[in-house]
């Protein structure tokens, strides 16, 4: 079992460092019970929120330590299986495709082929409602985020930020390298299930 480091985040929150998003998802499921107000999984940590009127910080630390002792890492539950996302690469839809290709030292067509040949896992959803952080990017495609973020990135934009790929669910500012765009709706607040992508889902991209 990997070592889990517990730290104080505030007077009403604790955080546990883990060895990756899969362990974070599994640990969050393990901890989602009383008396915690909320449990939030990140890429390499889990935040645990509690009511200081009911638990002191020391009591919360002791209880969380007990729950961590009974945690056994396992496969995080999948959330809805696989999804294939159609993407239009390059051009106006993917203004940074050439940048990623130049950095990798290959043609733009090779970037598209590599990006669509991988199977990704939704690590976490955040930043914007429905924005999916995707693990599984081909190492050759890893590209630092833009030095100058764009004030507005279109909804559906598919980007690369460091060693991750991601999809903008809503229009907003962003510094990821945009290589394409999908017309798939990723967040609909009026729908019974607002989020198309959930942590644990597997994602593949299909070029248009």
C-alpha atoms as a PDB file:
ATOM      1  CA  UNK A   1       0.000   0.000   0.000  1.00  0.00           C
ATOM      2  CA  UNK A   2       1.449   3.420  -0.941  1.00  0.00           C
ATOM      3  CA  UNK A   3       2.193   5.867   1.859  1.00  0.00           C
ATOM      4  CA  UNK A   4      -0.586   8.414   2.339  1.00  0.00           C
ATOM      5  CA  UNK A   5       0.526  11.798   3.681  1.00  0.00           C
ATOM      6  CA  UNK A   6      -2.091  13.658   5.735  1.00  0.00           C
ATOM      7  CA  UNK A   7      -1.776  17.439   6.091  1.00  0.00           C
ATOM      8  CA  UNK A   8      -3.824  20.339   7.398  1.00  0.00           C
ATOM      9  CA  UNK A   9      -5.388  22.452   4.663  1.00  0.00           C
ATOM     10  CA  UNK A  10      -7.308  24.889   6.894  1.00  0.00           C
ATOM     11  CA  UNK A  11      -9.219  24.919  10.185  1.00  0.00           C
ATOM     12  CA  UNK A  12     -11.986  22.925   8.475  1.00  0.00           C
ATOM     13  CA  UNK A  13     -10.204  20.873   5.849  1.00  0.00           C
ATOM     14  CA  UNK A  14      -7.523  18.203   5.582  1.00  0.00           C
ATOM     15  CA  UNK A  15      -5.715  16.895   2.532  1.00  0.00           C
ATOM     16  CA  UNK A  16      -4.203  13.502   1.777  1.00  0.00           C
ATOM     17  CA  UNK A  17      -1.432  13.187  -0.820  1.00  0.00           C
ATOM     18  CA  UNK A  18      -1.600  10.030  -2.944  1.00  0.00           C
ATOM     19  CA  UNK A  19       0.329   8.497  -5.830  1.00  0.00           C
ATOM     20  CA  UNK A  20      -2.061   9.351  -8.654  1.00  0.00           C
ATOM     21  CA  UNK A  21      -5.591  10.102  -9.787  1.00  0.00           C
ATOM     22  CA  UNK A  22      -6.735   6.467  -9.694  1.00  0.00           C
ATOM     23  CA  UNK A  23      -5.767   6.108  -6.031  1.00  0.00           C
ATOM     24  CA  UNK A  24      -7.352   9.501  -5.329  1.00  0.00           C
ATOM     25  CA  UNK A  25     -10.682   8.367  -6.806  1.00  0.00           C
ATOM     26  CA  UNK A  26     -10.610   5.102  -4.869  1.00  0.00           C
ATOM     27  CA  UNK A  27      -9.736   6.871  -1.608  1.00  0.00           C
ATOM     28  CA  UNK A  28     -12.473   9.469  -2.121  1.00  0.00           C
ATOM     29  CA  UNK A  29     -15.039   6.679  -2.492  1.00  0.00           C
ATOM     30  CA  UNK A  30     -13.696   5.067   0.687  1.00  0.00           C
ATOM     31  CA  UNK A  31     -14.039   8.324   2.652  1.00  0.00           C
ATOM     32  CA  UNK A  32     -17.472   9.454   1.445  1.00  0.00           C
ATOM     33  CA  UNK A  33     -19.334   8.870   4.714  1.00  0.00           C
ATOM     34  CA  UNK A  34     -20.124  10.700   7.941  1.00  0.00           C
ATOM     35  CA  UNK A  35     -18.921  12.982   9.410  1.00  0.00           C
ATOM     36  CA  UNK A  36     -17.278  14.581   6.370  1.00  0.00           C
ATOM     37  CA  UNK A  37     -19.145  17.425   4.679  1.00  0.00           C
ATOM     38  CA  UNK A  38     -17.427  16.776   1.359  1.00  0.00           C
ATOM     39  CA  UNK A  39     -14.617  14.708  -0.122  1.00  0.00           C
ATOM     40  CA  UNK A  40     -12.949  15.955  -3.318  1.00  0.00           C
ATOM     41  CA  UNK A  41     -10.512  13.895  -5.397  1.00  0.00           C
ATOM     42  CA  UNK A  42      -7.738  15.664  -7.311  1.00  0.00           C
ATOM     43  CA  UNK A  43      -4.918  14.457  -9.533  1.00  0.00           C
ATOM     44  CA  UNK A  44      -2.614  13.551  -6.633  1.00  0.00           C
ATOM     45  CA  UNK A  45      -4.586  14.400  -3.508  1.00  0.00           C
ATOM     46  CA  UNK A  46      -7.924  14.135  -1.734  1.00  0.00           C
ATOM     47  CA  UNK A  47      -9.406  17.049   0.220  1.00  0.00           C
ATOM     48  CA  UNK A  48     -11.687  16.296   3.174  1.00  0.00           C
ATOM     49  CA  UNK A  49     -13.973  19.018   4.538  1.00  0.00           C
ATOM     50  CA  UNK A  50     -15.606  18.928   7.979  1.00  0.00           C
ATOM     51  CA  UNK A  51     -17.693  21.119  10.287  1.00  0.00           C
ATOM     52  CA  UNK A  52     -15.439  22.607  13.003  1.00  0.00           C
ATOM     53  CA  UNK A  53     -18.521  23.018  15.207  1.00  0.00           C
ATOM     54  CA  UNK A  54     -18.789  19.243  15.418  1.00  0.00           C
ATOM     55  CA  UNK A  55     -15.141  18.192  15.169  1.00  0.00           C
ATOM     56  CA  UNK A  56     -11.963  19.855  16.332  1.00  0.00           C
ATOM     57  CA  UNK A  57      -9.019  19.811  13.952  1.00  0.00           C
ATOM     58  CA  UNK A  58      -7.253  17.251  16.132  1.00  0.00           C
ATOM     59  CA  UNK A  59     -10.345  15.017  16.242  1.00  0.00           C
ATOM     60  CA  UNK A  60     -10.718  15.235  12.465  1.00  0.00           C
ATOM     61  CA  UNK A  61      -7.066  14.274  11.987  1.00  0.00           C
ATOM     62  CA  UNK A  62      -7.425  11.281  14.319  1.00  0.00           C
ATOM     63  CA  UNK A  63     -10.602  10.055  12.620  1.00  0.00           C
ATOM     64  CA  UNK A  64      -9.175  10.483   9.130  1.00  0.00           C
ATOM     65  CA  UNK A  65      -5.999   8.635  10.135  1.00  0.00           C
ATOM     66  CA  UNK A  66      -8.150   5.715  11.333  1.00  0.00           C
ATOM     67  CA  UNK A  67     -10.055   5.639   8.046  1.00  0.00           C
ATOM     68  CA  UNK A  68      -6.816   5.781   6.060  1.00  0.00           C
ATOM     69  CA  UNK A  69      -5.519   2.778   7.998  1.00  0.00           C
ATOM     70  CA  UNK A  70      -8.434   0.692   6.712  1.00  0.00           C
ATOM     71  CA  UNK A  71      -8.044   1.827   3.107  1.00  0.00           C
ATOM     72  CA  UNK A  72      -6.830  -0.727   0.588  1.00  0.00           C
ATOM     73  CA  UNK A  73      -6.044   0.732  -2.861  1.00  0.00           C
ATOM     74  CA  UNK A  74      -7.920  -0.912  -5.697  1.00  0.00           C
ATOM     75  CA  UNK A  75      -9.169  -0.084  -9.158  1.00  0.00           C
ATOM     76  CA  UNK A  76     -11.225   3.083  -8.977  1.00  0.00           C
ATOM     77  CA  UNK A  77     -14.788   2.439 -10.171  1.00  0.00           C
ATOM     78  CA  UNK A  78     -15.397   3.217 -13.817  1.00  0.00           C
ATOM     79  CA  UNK A  79     -18.062   5.819 -14.496  1.00  0.00           C
ATOM     80  CA  UNK A  80     -20.020   4.884 -17.576  1.00  0.00           C
ATOM     81  CA  UNK A  81     -17.421   3.015 -19.632  1.00  0.00           C
ATOM     82  CA  UNK A  82     -16.031   4.289 -22.925  1.00  0.00           C
ATOM     83  CA  UNK A  83     -16.879   7.288 -25.069  1.00  0.00           C
ATOM     84  CA  UNK A  84     -15.613   8.253 -28.524  1.00  0.00           C
ATOM     85  CA  UNK A  85     -15.385  11.990 -29.147  1.00  0.00           C
ATOM     86  CA  UNK A  86     -15.299  13.307 -32.741  1.00  0.00           C
ATOM     87  CA  UNK A  87     -12.792  16.134 -33.190  1.00  0.00           C
ATOM     88  CA  UNK A  88     -11.956  18.513 -36.021  1.00  0.00           C
ATOM     89  CA  UNK A  89      -8.195  19.057 -35.791  1.00  0.00           C
ATOM     90  CA  UNK A  90      -6.151  22.058 -36.919  1.00  0.00           C
ATOM     91  CA  UNK A  91      -7.185  25.228 -38.685  1.00  0.00           C
ATOM     92  CA  UNK A  92      -9.460  27.601 -36.808  1.00  0.00           C
ATOM     93  CA  UNK A  93     -10.544  24.732 -34.550  1.00  0.00           C
ATOM     94  CA  UNK A  94      -6.965  23.873 -33.549  1.00  0.00           C
ATOM     95  CA  UNK A  95      -4.745  26.962 -33.777  1.00  0.00           C
ATOM     96  CA  UNK A  96      -1.890  25.402 -31.764  1.00  0.00           C
ATOM     97  CA  UNK A  97      -1.594  22.156 -33.722  1.00  0.00           C
ATOM     98  CA  UNK A  98       1.424  23.523 -35.593  1.00  0.00           C
ATOM     99  CA  UNK A  99       3.092  24.537 -32.308  1.00  0.00           C
ATOM    100  CA  UNK A 100       2.726  21.039 -30.871  1.00  0.00           C
ATOM    101  CA  UNK A 101       3.970  19.496 -34.133  1.00  0.00           C
ATOM    102  CA  UNK A 102       7.029  21.753 -34.250  1.00  0.00           C
ATOM    103  CA  UNK A 103       7.920  20.956 -30.643  1.00  0.00           C
ATOM    104  CA  UNK A 104       7.556  17.218 -31.268  1.00  0.00           C
ATOM    105  CA  UNK A 105       9.500  17.452 -34.539  1.00  0.00           C
ATOM    106  CA  UNK A 106       6.818  15.726 -36.601  1.00  0.00           C
ATOM    107  CA  UNK A 107       4.119  16.637 -39.117  1.00  0.00           C
ATOM    108  CA  UNK A 108       0.699  17.852 -38.013  1.00  0.00           C
ATOM    109  CA  UNK A 109      -0.841  14.668 -39.406  1.00  0.00           C
ATOM    110  CA  UNK A 110       1.408  12.663 -37.074  1.00  0.00           C
ATOM    111  CA  UNK A 111       0.182  14.662 -34.071  1.00  0.00           C
ATOM    112  CA  UNK A 112      -3.413  13.858 -35.011  1.00  0.00           C
ATOM    113  CA  UNK A 113      -2.565  10.181 -35.462  1.00  0.00           C
ATOM    114  CA  UNK A 114      -0.829   9.987 -32.081  1.00  0.00           C
ATOM    115  CA  UNK A 115      -3.543  11.923 -30.279  1.00  0.00           C
ATOM    116  CA  UNK A 116      -6.301   9.700 -31.649  1.00  0.00           C
ATOM    117  CA  UNK A 117      -4.446   6.417 -31.091  1.00  0.00           C
ATOM    118  CA  UNK A 118      -4.358   6.738 -27.295  1.00  0.00           C
ATOM    119  CA  UNK A 119      -7.009   5.663 -24.805  1.00  0.00           C
ATOM    120  CA  UNK A 120      -7.454   8.321 -22.125  1.00  0.00           C
ATOM    121  CA  UNK A 121      -8.874   8.191 -18.623  1.00  0.00           C
ATOM    122  CA  UNK A 122     -10.771  11.108 -17.099  1.00  0.00           C
ATOM    123  CA  UNK A 123      -8.687  11.824 -14.006  1.00  0.00           C
ATOM    124  CA  UNK A 124     -10.711  14.672 -12.555  1.00  0.00           C
ATOM    125  CA  UNK A 125     -13.354  17.125 -13.682  1.00  0.00           C
ATOM    126  CA  UNK A 126     -12.927  20.746 -12.671  1.00  0.00           C
ATOM    127  CA  UNK A 127     -11.652  24.260 -13.465  1.00  0.00           C
ATOM    128  CA  UNK A 128     -14.866  24.780 -15.468  1.00  0.00           C
ATOM    129  CA  UNK A 129     -18.028  22.693 -14.932  1.00  0.00           C
ATOM    130  CA  UNK A 130     -17.440  19.562 -16.994  1.00  0.00           C
ATOM    131  CA  UNK A 131     -13.819  20.337 -17.963  1.00  0.00           C
ATOM    132  CA  UNK A 132     -12.123  16.929 -18.168  1.00  0.00           C
ATOM    133  CA  UNK A 133      -8.451  16.362 -17.362  1.00  0.00           C
ATOM    134  CA  UNK A 134      -7.339  13.329 -19.364  1.00  0.00           C
ATOM    135  CA  UNK A 135      -4.437  11.020 -18.538  1.00  0.00           C
ATOM    136  CA  UNK A 136      -2.890   8.791 -21.195  1.00  0.00           C
ATOM    137  CA  UNK A 137      -1.345  11.358 -23.537  1.00  0.00           C
ATOM    138  CA  UNK A 138       1.482  10.057 -25.722  1.00  0.00           C
ATOM    139  CA  UNK A 139       4.691  11.379 -24.126  1.00  0.00           C
ATOM    140  CA  UNK A 140       5.838  12.762 -27.478  1.00  0.00           C
ATOM    141  CA  UNK A 141       2.889  15.184 -27.428  1.00  0.00           C
ATOM    142  CA  UNK A 142       3.597  16.690 -24.000  1.00  0.00           C
ATOM    143  CA  UNK A 143       3.753  20.474 -24.449  1.00  0.00           C
ATOM    144  CA  UNK A 144       3.994  23.208 -21.791  1.00  0.00           C
ATOM    145  CA  UNK A 145       1.019  25.496 -21.463  1.00  0.00           C
ATOM    146  CA  UNK A 146       1.089  28.744 -23.397  1.00  0.00           C
ATOM    147  CA  UNK A 147       3.127  31.545 -21.845  1.00  0.00           C
ATOM    148  CA  UNK A 148       0.250  33.913 -22.646  1.00  0.00           C
ATOM    149  CA  UNK A 149      -3.187  32.378 -21.938  1.00  0.00           C
ATOM    150  CA  UNK A 150      -6.026  33.232 -24.273  1.00  0.00           C
ATOM    151  CA  UNK A 151      -8.801  35.388 -22.771  1.00  0.00           C
ATOM    152  CA  UNK A 152     -11.384  33.124 -24.394  1.00  0.00           C
ATOM    153  CA  UNK A 153     -11.251  29.523 -25.581  1.00  0.00           C
ATOM    154  CA  UNK A 154     -14.270  28.089 -27.402  1.00  0.00           C
ATOM    155  CA  UNK A 155     -16.386  25.374 -25.820  1.00  0.00           C
ATOM    156  CA  UNK A 156     -15.423  21.933 -27.095  1.00  0.00           C
ATOM    157  CA  UNK A 157     -11.777  22.893 -27.611  1.00  0.00           C
ATOM    158  CA  UNK A 158      -9.388  19.965 -27.188  1.00  0.00           C
ATOM    159  CA  UNK A 159      -6.043  20.946 -25.742  1.00  0.00           C
ATOM    160  CA  UNK A 160      -2.716  19.764 -24.405  1.00  0.00           C
ATOM    161  CA  UNK A 161      -1.308  21.129 -21.164  1.00  0.00           C
ATOM    162  CA  UNK A 162       1.928  19.510 -20.050  1.00  0.00           C
ATOM    163  CA  UNK A 163       1.437  15.734 -19.900  1.00  0.00           C
ATOM    164  CA  UNK A 164      -2.364  15.930 -19.992  1.00  0.00           C
ATOM    165  CA  UNK A 165      -5.008  16.420 -22.630  1.00  0.00           C
ATOM    166  CA  UNK A 166      -8.211  18.261 -21.796  1.00  0.00           C
ATOM    167  CA  UNK A 167     -11.536  19.400 -23.216  1.00  0.00           C
ATOM    168  CA  UNK A 168     -13.084  22.794 -22.557  1.00  0.00           C
ATOM    169  CA  UNK A 169     -16.721  22.216 -21.644  1.00  0.00           C
ATOM    170  CA  UNK A 170     -17.593  25.921 -21.701  1.00  0.00           C
ATOM    171  CA  UNK A 171     -16.055  29.014 -23.277  1.00  0.00           C
ATOM    172  CA  UNK A 172     -13.551  30.700 -20.997  1.00  0.00           C
ATOM    173  CA  UNK A 173      -9.934  31.748 -20.527  1.00  0.00           C
ATOM    174  CA  UNK A 174      -7.221  29.146 -20.883  1.00  0.00           C
ATOM    175  CA  UNK A 175      -3.557  28.487 -21.519  1.00  0.00           C
ATOM    176  CA  UNK A 176      -3.699  24.990 -22.993  1.00  0.00           C
ATOM    177  CA  UNK A 177      -2.441  24.359 -26.534  1.00  0.00           C
ATOM    178  CA  UNK A 178      -5.605  23.973 -28.609  1.00  0.00           C
ATOM    179  CA  UNK A 179      -5.252  21.315 -31.312  1.00  0.00           C
ATOM    180  CA  UNK A 180      -8.899  20.709 -32.231  1.00  0.00           C
ATOM    181  CA  UNK A 181     -12.548  21.081 -31.308  1.00  0.00           C
ATOM    182  CA  UNK A 182     -15.551  18.839 -30.804  1.00  0.00           C
ATOM    183  CA  UNK A 183     -19.210  19.738 -31.273  1.00  0.00           C
ATOM    184  CA  UNK A 184     -20.180  17.340 -28.480  1.00  0.00           C
ATOM    185  CA  UNK A 185     -21.935  19.064 -25.569  1.00  0.00           C
ATOM    186  CA  UNK A 186     -19.947  18.336 -22.424  1.00  0.00           C
ATOM    187  CA  UNK A 187     -21.982  20.323 -19.899  1.00  0.00           C
ATOM    188  CA  UNK A 188     -25.721  20.998 -19.968  1.00  0.00           C
ATOM    189  CA  UNK A 189     -27.089  22.402 -16.687  1.00  0.00           C
ATOM    190  CA  UNK A 190     -30.658  21.722 -17.857  1.00  0.00           C
ATOM    191  CA  UNK A 191     -30.084  18.018 -18.479  1.00  0.00           C
ATOM    192  CA  UNK A 192     -30.944  15.330 -15.945  1.00  0.00           C
ATOM    193  CA  UNK A 193     -27.251  14.391 -16.042  1.00  0.00           C
ATOM    194  CA  UNK A 194     -25.386  17.669 -16.707  1.00  0.00           C
ATOM    195  CA  UNK A 195     -21.929  16.147 -17.200  1.00  0.00           C
ATOM    196  CA  UNK A 196     -21.019  14.073 -20.255  1.00  0.00           C
ATOM    197  CA  UNK A 197     -17.643  13.056 -18.813  1.00  0.00           C
ATOM    198  CA  UNK A 198     -17.008  11.763 -15.299  1.00  0.00           C
ATOM    199  CA  UNK A 199     -13.884  10.740 -13.425  1.00  0.00           C
ATOM    200  CA  UNK A 200     -12.892   7.199 -14.343  1.00  0.00           C
ATOM    201  CA  UNK A 201     -14.407   7.185 -17.837  1.00  0.00           C
ATOM    202  CA  UNK A 202     -12.268   6.084 -20.782  1.00  0.00           C
ATOM    203  CA  UNK A 203     -12.077   8.444 -23.760  1.00  0.00           C
ATOM    204  CA  UNK A 204     -10.948   8.061 -27.353  1.00  0.00           C
ATOM    205  CA  UNK A 205     -10.837  10.738 -30.034  1.00  0.00           C
ATOM    206  CA  UNK A 206     -11.956  10.276 -33.637  1.00  0.00           C
ATOM    207  CA  UNK A 207     -10.732  12.730 -36.305  1.00  0.00           C
ATOM    208  CA  UNK A 208     -13.279  14.347 -38.611  1.00  0.00           C
END
